[in-house]
Amino acid sequence: ALLPYVPRVPPAALPGKLTATTFALERPCCVFDRHANASDTVWLAVAFANASATFRNPPSRADVPLYECLPTTHSYMTLETAAAAYACSAPSPAVLRVGGDTACGGQGGRDPCNGPLPSPGPYRVKFLVMGCHGPKAETRWSDPILLRR
């Protein structure tokens, strides 16, 4: 299912909203409630703006594009979160930070890394609901997000 939601950087003034290697996103509350169940996860797909049109949703978790591959694939997926964390009733911070994990990358692990973004971009992002049999729902792509230089 294609959901009408469009991810966006919060319009309000916010410390660190855009930095040289990270950006903040509004948390998508109540967006996935009718499309996800308790065992589903929600991922954030991050792509260079000029590569978002060629991004293909992975058929399974094993096929999720990794942060380490961003220089060659021009996209990756991160912030794997239980769908319940985005439910209307879930208490949660108002924003998500993309690129905020300086400790990951290069460790060769299968854990989805949310590492610092390597260039100013621009980037586009979308949320993707994954079930045990693959993608179930996705949001639209964001407008291009340009980081500070």
Protein backbone atom coordinates (compact mmCIF):
# COMPACT_ATOMS: atom_id res chain seq x y z
CA ALA A 1 0.00 0.00 0.00
CA LEU A 2 1.19 3.50 -0.76
CA LEU A 3 0.39 5.74 2.19
CA PRO A 4 -0.27 9.46 1.63
CA TYR A 5 2.17 10.46 4.41
CA VAL A 6 5.26 12.44 3.35
CA PRO A 7 8.20 12.43 5.80
CA ARG A 8 9.56 15.88 6.58
CA VAL A 9 12.08 17.82 8.60
CA PRO A 10 10.18 19.56 11.43
CA PRO A 11 9.29 23.15 10.48
CA ALA A 12 9.95 24.48 14.01
CA ALA A 13 13.31 25.81 15.11
CA LEU A 14 15.18 22.91 16.68
CA PRO A 15 18.80 22.60 17.82
CA GLY A 16 20.66 20.35 15.38
CA LYS A 17 17.70 20.10 12.99
CA LEU A 18 20.20 20.06 10.09
CA THR A 19 23.92 19.51 10.60
CA ALA A 20 26.75 18.54 8.26
CA THR A 21 26.10 14.81 8.83
CA THR A 22 22.59 14.47 10.34
CA PHE A 23 19.02 15.70 10.09
CA ALA A 24 15.89 15.45 12.18
CA LEU A 25 12.61 13.99 10.92
CA GLU A 26 9.13 14.31 12.36
CA ARG A 27 8.11 11.01 13.96
CA PRO A 28 5.29 9.39 11.91
CA CYS A 29 2.64 8.78 14.58
CA CYS A 30 -0.62 7.01 13.63
CA VAL A 31 0.55 6.55 10.03
CA PHE A 32 0.94 2.76 10.00
CA ASP A 33 -1.81 1.64 12.40
CA ARG A 34 -4.12 0.17 9.73
CA HIS A 35 -1.27 -1.39 7.72
CA ALA A 36 0.95 -3.07 10.31
CA ASN A 37 0.60 -5.76 12.95
CA ALA A 38 2.58 -6.52 16.10
CA SER A 39 5.30 -8.51 14.34
CA ASP A 40 5.97 -5.92 11.61
CA THR A 41 8.85 -3.47 11.59
CA VAL A 42 9.09 0.00 10.14
CA TRP A 43 12.30 1.02 8.37
CA LEU A 44 13.55 4.34 7.08
CA ALA A 45 14.91 4.22 3.53
CA VAL A 46 17.50 6.93 2.87
CA ALA A 47 18.60 7.69 -0.69
CA PHE A 48 20.45 10.40 -2.52
CA ALA A 49 17.67 12.50 -4.09
CA ASN A 50 18.76 11.59 -7.62
CA ALA A 51 18.66 7.86 -6.75
CA SER A 52 15.27 7.67 -5.00
CA ALA A 53 13.41 6.90 -8.24
CA THR A 54 15.51 3.76 -8.80
CA PHE A 55 15.26 2.50 -5.20
CA ARG A 56 13.62 -0.93 -4.99
CA ASN A 57 12.01 -2.15 -1.78
CA PRO A 58 13.91 -5.22 -0.56
CA PRO A 59 11.91 -8.49 -0.69
CA SER A 60 13.11 -9.52 2.79
CA ARG A 61 15.14 -8.32 5.78
CA ALA A 62 18.17 -10.20 4.44
CA ASP A 63 18.09 -7.97 1.34
CA VAL A 64 17.96 -4.63 3.17
CA PRO A 65 20.61 -2.29 1.71
CA LEU A 66 23.21 -1.45 4.36
CA TYR A 67 24.69 1.89 5.36
CA GLU A 68 28.17 0.72 4.35
CA CYS A 69 26.93 0.36 0.75
CA LEU A 70 25.66 3.95 0.44
CA PRO A 71 28.65 5.11 -1.68
CA THR A 72 27.92 2.45 -4.32
CA THR A 73 24.17 1.80 -4.05
CA HIS A 74 23.24 5.45 -3.28
CA SER A 75 20.70 4.27 -0.69
CA TYR A 76 20.39 2.30 2.53
CA MET A 77 17.81 1.43 5.17
CA THR A 78 18.03 2.18 8.88
CA LEU A 79 16.10 2.87 12.09
CA GLU A 80 14.41 -0.54 12.15
CA THR A 81 11.64 -0.09 14.72
CA ALA A 82 8.68 -2.17 15.89
CA ALA A 83 5.56 -0.82 14.18
CA ALA A 84 3.92 -0.47 17.61
CA ALA A 85 6.39 2.31 18.48
CA TYR A 86 4.64 4.53 15.91
CA ALA A 87 1.10 3.71 17.04
CA CYS A 88 -1.23 6.55 18.05
CA SER A 89 -1.04 5.41 21.66
CA ALA A 90 2.76 5.06 21.85
CA PRO A 91 4.57 7.67 23.95
CA SER A 92 7.57 8.74 21.92
CA PRO A 93 9.96 11.58 21.17
CA ALA A 94 8.70 14.00 18.54
CA VAL A 95 11.64 13.56 16.20
CA LEU A 96 13.95 10.91 14.78
CA ARG A 97 17.63 11.70 14.12
CA VAL A 98 19.05 10.38 10.84
CA GLY A 99 22.82 9.89 10.80
CA GLY A 100 23.25 10.17 14.56
CA ASP A 101 25.15 6.97 15.35
CA THR A 102 28.88 7.70 15.11
CA ALA A 103 29.80 4.31 16.58
CA CYS A 104 28.57 2.23 13.67
CA GLY A 105 29.84 1.67 10.18
CA GLY A 106 32.78 -0.44 9.21
CA GLN A 107 32.02 -3.08 11.83
CA GLY A 108 30.76 -5.44 9.13
CA GLY A 109 27.75 -6.42 11.22
CA ARG A 110 24.25 -7.07 9.91
CA ASP A 111 22.72 -4.55 12.28
CA PRO A 112 21.19 -1.62 10.44
CA CYS A 113 23.53 1.32 10.98
CA ASN A 114 22.31 4.91 11.34
CA GLY A 115 25.75 6.36 10.66
CA PRO A 116 26.71 9.94 9.77
CA LEU A 117 25.75 11.00 6.27
CA PRO A 118 28.86 11.36 4.09
CA SER A 119 27.93 14.42 2.04
CA PRO A 120 25.47 17.35 2.03
CA GLY A 121 23.14 15.38 -0.24
CA PRO A 122 20.44 16.21 -1.02
CA TYR A 123 18.71 13.12 0.39
CA ARG A 124 15.14 11.84 0.22
CA VAL A 125 13.61 9.44 2.74
CA LYS A 126 10.54 7.23 3.09
CA PHE A 127 9.20 4.82 5.68
CA LEU A 128 8.65 1.19 4.74
CA VAL A 129 6.58 -1.36 6.70
CA MET A 130 8.13 -4.82 6.47
CA GLY A 131 6.36 -8.00 7.49
CA CYS A 132 7.74 -11.52 7.59
CA HIS A 133 6.91 -11.89 3.88
CA GLY A 134 8.42 -8.58 2.80
CA PRO A 135 7.15 -5.02 2.23
CA LYS A 136 3.55 -4.27 3.20
CA ALA A 137 3.20 -0.49 3.02
CA GLU A 138 5.31 2.56 2.31
CA THR A 139 5.05 6.32 2.57
CA ARG A 140 5.80 8.75 -0.23
CA TRP A 141 9.36 10.06 -0.58
CA SER A 142 10.21 13.26 1.25
CA ASP A 143 11.17 16.44 -0.54
CA PRO A 144 14.95 16.70 -0.99
CA ILE A 145 16.80 17.38 2.29
CA LEU A 146 20.07 19.31 1.97
CA LEU A 147 22.51 19.23 4.89
CA ARG A 148 24.68 22.11 6.11
CA ARG A 149 28.06 22.48 4.45
